[in-house]
């Protein structure tokens, strides 16, 4: 891929550079999710379980509706994964204080322990990559990721 420091304008990337960027994303995603996948397999969980654990862990008290908006999956898909996480004691579901039909989600101690393990393996990979890339690259990477997202989701990352 063209080196940004070389002075090449990144706004005029050639098709082969875009194709390589896509391939880099595939390989990075494979490696970023590989170790967590191994941990999850010990519980007979998959990536959908990981995403639910991640977002419930980052947003204790999140409603099922809010989680559906973030994950953009069907109620049926979430119900299967969430039901298993609740049955096996990783997530606790409580009724809302005002609207009892609302279901609020929070990690249990067992869920928090798994979330910590998953976070730790991914944290190590991110920290290593950030250290090897430097502050300017990290800022650029963040910018690229933000600009790949839909605008509504960018609001979550205002800092």
C-alpha atoms as a PDB file:
ATOM      1  CA  UNK A   1       0.000   0.000   0.000  1.00  0.00           C
ATOM      2  CA  UNK A   2       1.215   3.521  -0.684  1.00  0.00           C
ATOM      3  CA  UNK A   3       3.003   5.060   2.276  1.00  0.00           C
ATOM      4  CA  UNK A   4       1.166   8.161   3.503  1.00  0.00           C
ATOM      5  CA  UNK A   5       4.520   9.652   4.562  1.00  0.00           C
ATOM      6  CA  UNK A   6       5.767   9.439   0.959  1.00  0.00           C
ATOM      7  CA  UNK A   7       3.541  12.345   0.003  1.00  0.00           C
ATOM      8  CA  UNK A   8       1.129  10.323  -2.112  1.00  0.00           C
ATOM      9  CA  UNK A   9      -2.359  11.753  -1.726  1.00  0.00           C
ATOM     10  CA  UNK A  10      -4.431   9.016  -0.032  1.00  0.00           C
ATOM     11  CA  UNK A  11      -7.614  10.444  -1.546  1.00  0.00           C
ATOM     12  CA  UNK A  12      -6.590   9.161  -4.962  1.00  0.00           C
ATOM     13  CA  UNK A  13      -5.961   5.518  -4.179  1.00  0.00           C
ATOM     14  CA  UNK A  14      -5.799   3.065  -7.042  1.00  0.00           C
ATOM     15  CA  UNK A  15      -8.067   0.033  -7.226  1.00  0.00           C
ATOM     16  CA  UNK A  16      -5.229  -2.312  -6.260  1.00  0.00           C
ATOM     17  CA  UNK A  17      -4.548  -0.210  -3.136  1.00  0.00           C
ATOM     18  CA  UNK A  18      -8.223  -0.330  -2.168  1.00  0.00           C
ATOM     19  CA  UNK A  19      -8.279  -4.091  -2.798  1.00  0.00           C
ATOM     20  CA  UNK A  20      -5.200  -4.501  -0.602  1.00  0.00           C
ATOM     21  CA  UNK A  21      -6.823  -2.415   2.157  1.00  0.00           C
ATOM     22  CA  UNK A  22      -9.851  -4.726   2.060  1.00  0.00           C
ATOM     23  CA  UNK A  23      -7.590  -7.755   2.248  1.00  0.00           C
ATOM     24  CA  UNK A  24      -5.675  -6.219   5.162  1.00  0.00           C
ATOM     25  CA  UNK A  25      -8.992  -5.743   6.976  1.00  0.00           C
ATOM     26  CA  UNK A  26      -9.887  -9.402   6.419  1.00  0.00           C
ATOM     27  CA  UNK A  27      -6.541 -10.622   7.792  1.00  0.00           C
ATOM     28  CA  UNK A  28      -6.584  -8.171  10.709  1.00  0.00           C
ATOM     29  CA  UNK A  29     -10.140  -9.180  11.609  1.00  0.00           C
ATOM     30  CA  UNK A  30      -9.238 -12.873  11.403  1.00  0.00           C
ATOM     31  CA  UNK A  31      -6.337 -12.400  13.791  1.00  0.00           C
ATOM     32  CA  UNK A  32      -8.207  -9.960  16.047  1.00  0.00           C
ATOM     33  CA  UNK A  33     -11.041 -12.458  16.536  1.00  0.00           C
ATOM     34  CA  UNK A  34      -8.977 -15.664  16.491  1.00  0.00           C
ATOM     35  CA  UNK A  35      -7.909 -15.801  20.129  1.00  0.00           C
ATOM     36  CA  UNK A  36     -11.318 -14.717  21.448  1.00  0.00           C
ATOM     37  CA  UNK A  37     -12.921 -17.394  19.225  1.00  0.00           C
ATOM     38  CA  UNK A  38     -10.782 -20.032  20.960  1.00  0.00           C
ATOM     39  CA  UNK A  39     -11.847 -18.773  24.399  1.00  0.00           C
ATOM     40  CA  UNK A  40     -15.494 -18.639  23.355  1.00  0.00           C
ATOM     41  CA  UNK A  41     -15.350 -22.189  21.982  1.00  0.00           C
ATOM     42  CA  UNK A  42     -14.575 -23.432  25.504  1.00  0.00           C
ATOM     43  CA  UNK A  43     -18.100 -22.268  26.429  1.00  0.00           C
ATOM     44  CA  UNK A  44     -19.685 -23.364  23.126  1.00  0.00           C
ATOM     45  CA  UNK A  45     -20.138 -19.672  22.290  1.00  0.00           C
ATOM     46  CA  UNK A  46     -19.499 -17.824  19.058  1.00  0.00           C
ATOM     47  CA  UNK A  47     -18.903 -14.262  17.880  1.00  0.00           C
ATOM     48  CA  UNK A  48     -22.524 -13.281  18.412  1.00  0.00           C
ATOM     49  CA  UNK A  49     -22.113 -14.158  22.091  1.00  0.00           C
ATOM     50  CA  UNK A  50     -18.925 -12.088  22.175  1.00  0.00           C
ATOM     51  CA  UNK A  51     -20.667  -9.034  20.719  1.00  0.00           C
ATOM     52  CA  UNK A  52     -23.518  -9.286  23.222  1.00  0.00           C
ATOM     53  CA  UNK A  53     -21.113  -9.705  26.151  1.00  0.00           C
ATOM     54  CA  UNK A  54     -19.013  -6.786  24.892  1.00  0.00           C
ATOM     55  CA  UNK A  55     -21.864  -4.308  24.543  1.00  0.00           C
ATOM     56  CA  UNK A  56     -23.660  -5.350  27.727  1.00  0.00           C
ATOM     57  CA  UNK A  57     -20.314  -5.048  29.530  1.00  0.00           C
ATOM     58  CA  UNK A  58     -19.673  -1.553  28.149  1.00  0.00           C
ATOM     59  CA  UNK A  59     -23.270  -0.401  28.750  1.00  0.00           C
ATOM     60  CA  UNK A  60     -24.644  -1.970  31.957  1.00  0.00           C
ATOM     61  CA  UNK A  61     -28.406  -1.568  32.061  1.00  0.00           C
ATOM     62  CA  UNK A  62     -28.702  -1.476  28.258  1.00  0.00           C
ATOM     63  CA  UNK A  63     -32.152  -2.442  27.052  1.00  0.00           C
ATOM     64  CA  UNK A  64     -32.782  -5.262  24.644  1.00  0.00           C
ATOM     65  CA  UNK A  65     -34.094  -2.688  22.150  1.00  0.00           C
ATOM     66  CA  UNK A  66     -30.904  -0.613  22.396  1.00  0.00           C
ATOM     67  CA  UNK A  67     -28.793  -3.730  21.943  1.00  0.00           C
ATOM     68  CA  UNK A  68     -30.780  -4.674  18.842  1.00  0.00           C
ATOM     69  CA  UNK A  69     -30.102  -1.219  17.377  1.00  0.00           C
ATOM     70  CA  UNK A  70     -26.360  -1.558  17.961  1.00  0.00           C
ATOM     71  CA  UNK A  71     -26.008  -5.122  16.710  1.00  0.00           C
ATOM     72  CA  UNK A  72     -28.461  -4.815  13.817  1.00  0.00           C
ATOM     73  CA  UNK A  73     -29.607  -8.383  14.130  1.00  0.00           C
ATOM     74  CA  UNK A  74     -33.089  -9.839  14.308  1.00  0.00           C
ATOM     75  CA  UNK A  75     -34.931 -10.279  17.595  1.00  0.00           C
ATOM     76  CA  UNK A  76     -34.899 -13.998  16.907  1.00  0.00           C
ATOM     77  CA  UNK A  77     -31.096 -14.094  16.557  1.00  0.00           C
ATOM     78  CA  UNK A  78     -30.574 -12.011  19.687  1.00  0.00           C
ATOM     79  CA  UNK A  79     -33.122 -14.060  21.616  1.00  0.00           C
ATOM     80  CA  UNK A  80     -31.248 -17.293  20.929  1.00  0.00           C
ATOM     81  CA  UNK A  81     -27.854 -15.886  21.992  1.00  0.00           C
ATOM     82  CA  UNK A  82     -29.125 -13.788  24.887  1.00  0.00           C
ATOM     83  CA  UNK A  83     -31.285 -16.631  26.181  1.00  0.00           C
ATOM     84  CA  UNK A  84     -28.259 -18.911  26.356  1.00  0.00           C
ATOM     85  CA  UNK A  85     -26.151 -16.245  28.105  1.00  0.00           C
ATOM     86  CA  UNK A  86     -28.908 -15.682  30.663  1.00  0.00           C
ATOM     87  CA  UNK A  87     -29.568 -19.404  31.237  1.00  0.00           C
ATOM     88  CA  UNK A  88     -25.857 -20.077  31.736  1.00  0.00           C
ATOM     89  CA  UNK A  89     -25.457 -17.185  34.179  1.00  0.00           C
ATOM     90  CA  UNK A  90     -23.373 -14.714  32.155  1.00  0.00           C
ATOM     91  CA  UNK A  91     -26.036 -12.000  31.880  1.00  0.00           C
ATOM     92  CA  UNK A  92     -28.773 -10.908  34.262  1.00  0.00           C
ATOM     93  CA  UNK A  93     -32.003  -9.484  32.893  1.00  0.00           C
ATOM     94  CA  UNK A  94     -34.242  -7.266  35.026  1.00  0.00           C
ATOM     95  CA  UNK A  95     -37.442  -5.357  34.282  1.00  0.00           C
ATOM     96  CA  UNK A  96     -37.200  -1.604  33.775  1.00  0.00           C
ATOM     97  CA  UNK A  97     -38.030   0.591  36.798  1.00  0.00           C
ATOM     98  CA  UNK A  98     -40.732   2.556  34.956  1.00  0.00           C
ATOM     99  CA  UNK A  99     -41.776   0.297  32.108  1.00  0.00           C
ATOM    100  CA  UNK A 100     -41.793  -3.260  33.462  1.00  0.00           C
ATOM    101  CA  UNK A 101     -41.914  -4.598  29.886  1.00  0.00           C
ATOM    102  CA  UNK A 102     -38.472  -3.150  29.287  1.00  0.00           C
ATOM    103  CA  UNK A 103     -35.647  -5.645  29.863  1.00  0.00           C
ATOM    104  CA  UNK A 104     -32.397  -4.246  31.259  1.00  0.00           C
ATOM    105  CA  UNK A 105     -29.223  -6.280  30.789  1.00  0.00           C
ATOM    106  CA  UNK A 106     -26.122  -6.485  32.934  1.00  0.00           C
ATOM    107  CA  UNK A 107     -23.182  -8.875  33.130  1.00  0.00           C
ATOM    108  CA  UNK A 108     -23.059 -11.168  36.130  1.00  0.00           C
ATOM    109  CA  UNK A 109     -19.756 -11.793  37.901  1.00  0.00           C
ATOM    110  CA  UNK A 110     -19.298 -14.835  35.670  1.00  0.00           C
ATOM    111  CA  UNK A 111     -20.062 -12.706  32.604  1.00  0.00           C
ATOM    112  CA  UNK A 112     -17.644  -9.997  33.710  1.00  0.00           C
ATOM    113  CA  UNK A 113     -14.887 -12.576  34.153  1.00  0.00           C
ATOM    114  CA  UNK A 114     -15.386 -13.830  30.589  1.00  0.00           C
ATOM    115  CA  UNK A 115     -15.574 -10.258  29.267  1.00  0.00           C
ATOM    116  CA  UNK A 116     -12.279  -9.476  31.037  1.00  0.00           C
ATOM    117  CA  UNK A 117     -10.578 -12.507  29.434  1.00  0.00           C
ATOM    118  CA  UNK A 118     -11.858 -11.604  25.977  1.00  0.00           C
ATOM    119  CA  UNK A 119     -10.880  -7.968  26.404  1.00  0.00           C
ATOM    120  CA  UNK A 120      -7.406  -8.881  27.619  1.00  0.00           C
ATOM    121  CA  UNK A 121      -6.432 -10.901  24.541  1.00  0.00           C
ATOM    122  CA  UNK A 122      -7.731  -8.211  22.201  1.00  0.00           C
ATOM    123  CA  UNK A 123      -6.205  -5.433  24.296  1.00  0.00           C
ATOM    124  CA  UNK A 124      -2.782  -7.045  24.003  1.00  0.00           C
ATOM    125  CA  UNK A 125      -3.061  -7.158  20.204  1.00  0.00           C
ATOM    126  CA  UNK A 126      -4.261  -3.526  19.977  1.00  0.00           C
ATOM    127  CA  UNK A 127      -1.585  -2.240  22.395  1.00  0.00           C
ATOM    128  CA  UNK A 128       1.162  -4.004  20.442  1.00  0.00           C
ATOM    129  CA  UNK A 129      -0.106  -2.668  17.132  1.00  0.00           C
ATOM    130  CA  UNK A 130      -0.478   0.859  18.512  1.00  0.00           C
ATOM    131  CA  UNK A 131       3.048   0.830  19.973  1.00  0.00           C
ATOM    132  CA  UNK A 132       4.552  -0.440  16.731  1.00  0.00           C
ATOM    133  CA  UNK A 133       2.590   2.072  14.621  1.00  0.00           C
ATOM    134  CA  UNK A 134       3.007   5.280  16.616  1.00  0.00           C
ATOM    135  CA  UNK A 135       0.665   8.059  17.663  1.00  0.00           C
ATOM    136  CA  UNK A 136       0.128   9.550  14.216  1.00  0.00           C
ATOM    137  CA  UNK A 137      -0.840   6.185  12.752  1.00  0.00           C
ATOM    138  CA  UNK A 138      -3.176   5.482  15.677  1.00  0.00           C
ATOM    139  CA  UNK A 139      -4.955   8.794  15.109  1.00  0.00           C
ATOM    140  CA  UNK A 140      -5.188   8.034  11.396  1.00  0.00           C
ATOM    141  CA  UNK A 141      -6.491   4.526  12.047  1.00  0.00           C
ATOM    142  CA  UNK A 142      -9.165   5.906  14.376  1.00  0.00           C
ATOM    143  CA  UNK A 143     -10.155   8.431  11.745  1.00  0.00           C
ATOM    144  CA  UNK A 144     -10.420   5.752   9.050  1.00  0.00           C
ATOM    145  CA  UNK A 145     -12.557   3.521  11.280  1.00  0.00           C
ATOM    146  CA  UNK A 146     -14.845   6.412  12.208  1.00  0.00           C
ATOM    147  CA  UNK A 147     -15.264   7.357   8.584  1.00  0.00           C
ATOM    148  CA  UNK A 148     -16.142   3.779   7.623  1.00  0.00           C
ATOM    149  CA  UNK A 149     -19.072   3.840  10.070  1.00  0.00           C
ATOM    150  CA  UNK A 150     -22.486   5.217   9.414  1.00  0.00           C
ATOM    151  CA  UNK A 151     -22.824   8.741  10.734  1.00  0.00           C
ATOM    152  CA  UNK A 152     -25.295   7.864  13.523  1.00  0.00           C
ATOM    153  CA  UNK A 153     -22.803   5.457  15.090  1.00  0.00           C
ATOM    154  CA  UNK A 154     -19.966   8.005  14.995  1.00  0.00           C
ATOM    155  CA  UNK A 155     -21.768  10.009  17.675  1.00  0.00           C
ATOM    156  CA  UNK A 156     -20.829   7.310  20.198  1.00  0.00           C
ATOM    157  CA  UNK A 157     -17.176   8.283  19.747  1.00  0.00           C
ATOM    158  CA  UNK A 158     -17.242  12.054  20.086  1.00  0.00           C
ATOM    159  CA  UNK A 159     -13.951  12.434  21.961  1.00  0.00           C
END
